[in-house]
Amino acid sequence: MSVSQPLGVGANTSVSVHDVHGQKSADDVTGTDLLDGPKWGRELNQVSRCEITVPIDHTLAVNGVPWRDWLTVWEYGQPVWTGPILKNIDD
């Protein structure tokens, strides 16, 4: 069973990019930067996942390093998901 919680893409949604210690490593992703997502959820007996799509020239796409950098998704100023970047996919 899959549970997905799409968040509204807008002024109240943002994604911060940081290392495991909270040190900022790229520009924050705001609603206007997001091409798709964030979508987050959890499958039964699995870890939670989050997917976002940003423009190829955003600092997250350019500088985000899997397993070094982490994302925190914020909705109305509250963190709703956090975890490491597992992979970057170029289109």
N, C-alpha and C. Protein backbone atom coordinates (compact mmCIF):
# COMPACT_ATOMS: atom_id res chain seq x y z
N MET A 1 0.83 -1.16 0.00
CA MET A 1 0.00 0.00 0.00
C MET A 1 0.89 1.24 0.00
N SER A 2 0.59 2.18 -0.87
CA SER A 2 1.40 3.38 -1.00
C SER A 2 0.61 4.59 -0.52
N VAL A 3 1.26 5.43 0.22
CA VAL A 3 0.64 6.66 0.69
C VAL A 3 1.47 7.81 0.14
N SER A 4 0.85 8.71 -0.57
CA SER A 4 1.55 9.87 -1.09
C SER A 4 0.82 11.12 -0.64
N GLN A 5 1.55 12.07 -0.16
CA GLN A 5 0.96 13.32 0.30
C GLN A 5 1.51 14.45 -0.56
N PRO A 6 0.84 14.78 -1.66
CA PRO A 6 1.33 15.92 -2.43
C PRO A 6 1.06 17.21 -1.68
N LEU A 7 2.04 18.07 -1.69
CA LEU A 7 1.90 19.35 -1.02
C LEU A 7 1.58 20.41 -2.03
N GLY A 8 0.90 21.44 -1.62
CA GLY A 8 0.59 22.53 -2.51
C GLY A 8 1.85 23.28 -2.91
N VAL A 9 2.03 23.49 -4.18
CA VAL A 9 3.17 24.25 -4.66
C VAL A 9 2.76 25.71 -4.64
N GLY A 10 3.34 26.47 -3.74
CA GLY A 10 2.98 27.87 -3.63
C GLY A 10 3.83 28.57 -2.60
N ALA A 11 3.37 29.73 -2.20
CA ALA A 11 4.15 30.56 -1.29
C ALA A 11 4.37 29.90 0.07
N ASN A 12 3.54 28.93 0.46
CA ASN A 12 3.65 28.31 1.78
C ASN A 12 4.48 27.04 1.79
N THR A 13 5.02 26.64 0.63
CA THR A 13 5.83 25.44 0.53
C THR A 13 7.24 25.82 0.15
N SER A 14 8.22 25.27 0.87
CA SER A 14 9.62 25.47 0.51
C SER A 14 10.42 24.24 0.88
N VAL A 15 11.60 24.14 0.29
CA VAL A 15 12.51 23.03 0.57
C VAL A 15 13.87 23.63 0.89
N SER A 16 14.42 23.29 2.05
CA SER A 16 15.76 23.74 2.38
C SER A 16 16.75 22.62 2.07
N VAL A 17 17.95 23.02 1.67
CA VAL A 17 19.00 22.09 1.28
C VAL A 17 20.16 22.29 2.25
N HIS A 18 20.59 21.21 2.91
CA HIS A 18 21.60 21.33 3.95
C HIS A 18 22.35 20.02 4.10
N ASP A 19 23.46 20.06 4.83
CA ASP A 19 24.15 18.81 5.15
C ASP A 19 23.51 18.20 6.40
N VAL A 20 24.03 17.08 6.83
CA VAL A 20 23.43 16.36 7.95
C VAL A 20 23.47 17.18 9.25
N HIS A 21 24.38 18.15 9.31
CA HIS A 21 24.51 18.98 10.50
C HIS A 21 23.67 20.26 10.41
N GLY A 22 22.95 20.45 9.30
CA GLY A 22 22.10 21.62 9.16
C GLY A 22 22.75 22.79 8.45
N GLN A 23 24.00 22.62 8.01
CA GLN A 23 24.71 23.69 7.30
C GLN A 23 24.16 23.82 5.88
N LYS A 24 23.71 25.01 5.51
CA LYS A 24 23.11 25.24 4.20
C LYS A 24 24.10 24.91 3.08
N SER A 25 23.66 24.16 2.05
CA SER A 25 24.56 23.77 0.97
C SER A 25 24.07 24.18 -0.41
N ALA A 26 22.89 24.75 -0.50
CA ALA A 26 22.37 25.26 -1.78
C ALA A 26 21.24 26.23 -1.45
N ASP A 27 20.82 26.99 -2.43
CA ASP A 27 19.69 27.90 -2.23
C ASP A 27 18.44 27.13 -1.87
N ASP A 28 17.60 27.73 -1.03
CA ASP A 28 16.31 27.12 -0.73
C ASP A 28 15.49 27.03 -2.01
N VAL A 29 14.65 26.01 -2.08
CA VAL A 29 13.74 25.83 -3.21
C VAL A 29 12.38 26.34 -2.75
N THR A 30 11.85 27.35 -3.42
CA THR A 30 10.54 27.89 -3.06
C THR A 30 9.52 27.42 -4.08
N GLY A 31 8.25 27.73 -3.82
CA GLY A 31 7.17 27.31 -4.71
C GLY A 31 7.38 27.74 -6.15
N THR A 32 7.99 28.91 -6.35
CA THR A 32 8.20 29.38 -7.72
C THR A 32 9.33 28.64 -8.42
N ASP A 33 10.24 27.99 -7.66
CA ASP A 33 11.33 27.21 -8.25
C ASP A 33 10.91 25.80 -8.61
N LEU A 34 9.85 25.31 -7.98
CA LEU A 34 9.46 23.92 -8.16
C LEU A 34 8.74 23.69 -9.47
N LEU A 35 9.24 22.76 -10.25
CA LEU A 35 8.54 22.37 -11.47
C LEU A 35 7.53 21.27 -11.17
N ASP A 36 7.81 20.46 -10.15
CA ASP A 36 6.90 19.40 -9.73
C ASP A 36 7.22 19.04 -8.29
N GLY A 37 6.19 18.75 -7.52
CA GLY A 37 6.40 18.32 -6.16
C GLY A 37 6.39 19.50 -5.21
N PRO A 38 6.79 19.31 -3.98
CA PRO A 38 7.29 18.04 -3.46
C PRO A 38 6.18 17.03 -3.24
N LYS A 39 6.51 15.78 -3.46
CA LYS A 39 5.61 14.67 -3.17
C LYS A 39 6.34 13.79 -2.17
N TRP A 40 5.69 13.47 -1.09
CA TRP A 40 6.34 12.66 -0.09
C TRP A 40 5.35 11.64 0.46
N GLY A 41 5.87 10.55 1.00
CA GLY A 41 5.00 9.54 1.56
C GLY A 41 5.79 8.36 2.08
N ARG A 42 5.07 7.35 2.46
CA ARG A 42 5.69 6.15 3.01
C ARG A 42 4.90 4.93 2.54
N GLU A 43 5.64 3.90 2.14
CA GLU A 43 5.01 2.62 1.83
C GLU A 43 5.16 1.73 3.04
N LEU A 44 4.21 0.84 3.23
CA LEU A 44 4.22 -0.05 4.37
C LEU A 44 5.56 -0.76 4.49
N ASN A 45 6.16 -0.72 5.67
CA ASN A 45 7.43 -1.38 5.98
C ASN A 45 8.60 -0.86 5.14
N GLN A 46 8.51 0.37 4.65
CA GLN A 46 9.58 0.98 3.87
C GLN A 46 9.93 2.35 4.47
N VAL A 47 11.04 2.89 4.04
CA VAL A 47 11.40 4.24 4.47
C VAL A 47 10.57 5.25 3.70
N SER A 48 10.46 6.45 4.24
CA SER A 48 9.71 7.49 3.54
C SER A 48 10.53 8.04 2.38
N ARG A 49 9.84 8.59 1.39
CA ARG A 49 10.48 9.13 0.20
C ARG A 49 9.91 10.51 -0.10
N CYS A 50 10.70 11.30 -0.80
CA CYS A 50 10.26 12.60 -1.27
C CYS A 50 10.84 12.82 -2.66
N GLU A 51 10.04 13.39 -3.54
CA GLU A 51 10.50 13.71 -4.88
C GLU A 51 10.18 15.16 -5.20
N ILE A 52 11.16 15.87 -5.75
CA ILE A 52 10.93 17.23 -6.22
C ILE A 52 11.62 17.38 -7.57
N THR A 53 11.13 18.31 -8.36
CA THR A 53 11.73 18.62 -9.66
C THR A 53 12.01 20.11 -9.70
N VAL A 54 13.27 20.45 -9.98
CA VAL A 54 13.69 21.84 -10.05
C VAL A 54 14.31 22.10 -11.42
N PRO A 55 14.38 23.36 -11.85
CA PRO A 55 15.04 23.68 -13.11
C PRO A 55 16.51 23.24 -13.08
N ILE A 56 17.03 22.87 -14.22
CA ILE A 56 18.40 22.34 -14.32
C ILE A 56 19.45 23.35 -13.86
N ASP A 57 19.13 24.64 -13.89
CA ASP A 57 20.11 25.64 -13.48
C ASP A 57 19.98 26.06 -12.01
N HIS A 58 19.08 25.46 -11.26
CA HIS A 58 18.94 25.76 -9.83
C HIS A 58 20.17 25.20 -9.10
N THR A 59 20.61 25.88 -8.04
CA THR A 59 21.80 25.43 -7.32
C THR A 59 21.65 24.02 -6.74
N LEU A 60 20.44 23.59 -6.45
CA LEU A 60 20.24 22.22 -5.98
C LEU A 60 20.60 21.23 -7.08
N ALA A 61 20.15 21.50 -8.32
CA ALA A 61 20.46 20.60 -9.43
C ALA A 61 21.95 20.61 -9.75
N VAL A 62 22.58 21.77 -9.62
CA VAL A 62 24.00 21.91 -9.96
C VAL A 62 24.89 21.37 -8.84
N ASN A 63 24.57 21.71 -7.58
CA ASN A 63 25.47 21.42 -6.46
C ASN A 63 25.01 20.32 -5.53
N GLY A 64 23.78 19.85 -5.63
CA GLY A 64 23.28 18.83 -4.72
C GLY A 64 24.01 17.51 -4.89
N VAL A 65 24.56 16.99 -3.81
CA VAL A 65 25.34 15.75 -3.85
C VAL A 65 24.60 14.67 -3.06
N PRO A 66 24.26 13.54 -3.73
CA PRO A 66 23.59 12.45 -3.02
C PRO A 66 24.40 11.99 -1.80
N TRP A 67 23.67 11.73 -0.72
CA TRP A 67 24.16 11.23 0.56
C TRP A 67 24.98 12.26 1.33
N ARG A 68 25.39 13.36 0.72
CA ARG A 68 26.03 14.44 1.48
C ARG A 68 24.99 15.48 1.87
N ASP A 69 24.11 15.81 0.92
CA ASP A 69 23.11 16.85 1.13
C ASP A 69 21.76 16.26 1.49
N TRP A 70 21.04 17.00 2.31
CA TRP A 70 19.72 16.61 2.79
C TRP A 70 18.70 17.65 2.39
N LEU A 71 17.44 17.24 2.31
CA LEU A 71 16.33 18.14 2.04
C LEU A 71 15.41 18.16 3.26
N THR A 72 14.86 19.32 3.54
CA THR A 72 13.76 19.42 4.50
C THR A 72 12.64 20.15 3.79
N VAL A 73 11.47 19.54 3.75
CA VAL A 73 10.29 20.13 3.14
C VAL A 73 9.52 20.85 4.23
N TRP A 74 9.17 22.11 3.96
CA TRP A 74 8.44 22.96 4.92
C TRP A 74 7.08 23.32 4.35
N GLU A 75 6.07 23.27 5.16
CA GLU A 75 4.72 23.68 4.79
C GLU A 75 4.23 24.61 5.90
N TYR A 76 3.91 25.85 5.54
CA TYR A 76 3.47 26.85 6.52
C TYR A 76 4.47 27.00 7.66
N GLY A 77 5.77 26.94 7.34
CA GLY A 77 6.81 27.15 8.33
C GLY A 77 7.11 25.97 9.23
N GLN A 78 6.45 24.81 8.99
CA GLN A 78 6.67 23.62 9.80
C GLN A 78 7.34 22.54 8.95
N PRO A 79 8.37 21.86 9.48
CA PRO A 79 8.97 20.76 8.72
C PRO A 79 8.02 19.57 8.63
N VAL A 80 7.83 19.05 7.42
CA VAL A 80 6.94 17.89 7.24
C VAL A 80 7.68 16.66 6.73
N TRP A 81 8.89 16.86 6.22
CA TRP A 81 9.70 15.72 5.75
C TRP A 81 11.15 16.15 5.74
N THR A 82 12.06 15.25 6.10
CA THR A 82 13.49 15.50 5.96
C THR A 82 14.20 14.19 5.65
N GLY A 83 15.25 14.27 4.85
CA GLY A 83 16.02 13.09 4.51
C GLY A 83 17.11 13.42 3.52
N PRO A 84 18.01 12.46 3.29
CA PRO A 84 19.12 12.70 2.38
C PRO A 84 18.68 12.65 0.91
N ILE A 85 19.43 13.36 0.08
CA ILE A 85 19.25 13.22 -1.37
C ILE A 85 19.85 11.87 -1.74
N LEU A 86 19.06 11.01 -2.37
CA LEU A 86 19.56 9.69 -2.76
C LEU A 86 20.13 9.69 -4.17
N LYS A 87 19.50 10.45 -5.07
CA LYS A 87 20.01 10.52 -6.43
C LYS A 87 19.49 11.76 -7.12
N ASN A 88 20.28 12.24 -8.07
CA ASN A 88 19.89 13.32 -8.96
C ASN A 88 19.66 12.70 -10.33
N ILE A 89 18.60 13.10 -10.97
CA ILE A 89 18.30 12.59 -12.31
C ILE A 89 18.27 13.75 -13.28
N ASP A 90 19.10 13.69 -14.31
CA ASP A 90 19.09 14.71 -15.36
C ASP A 90 18.14 14.30 -16.45
N ASP A 91 17.35 15.25 -16.92
CA ASP A 91 16.47 14.98 -18.07
C ASP A 91 17.06 15.58 -19.31
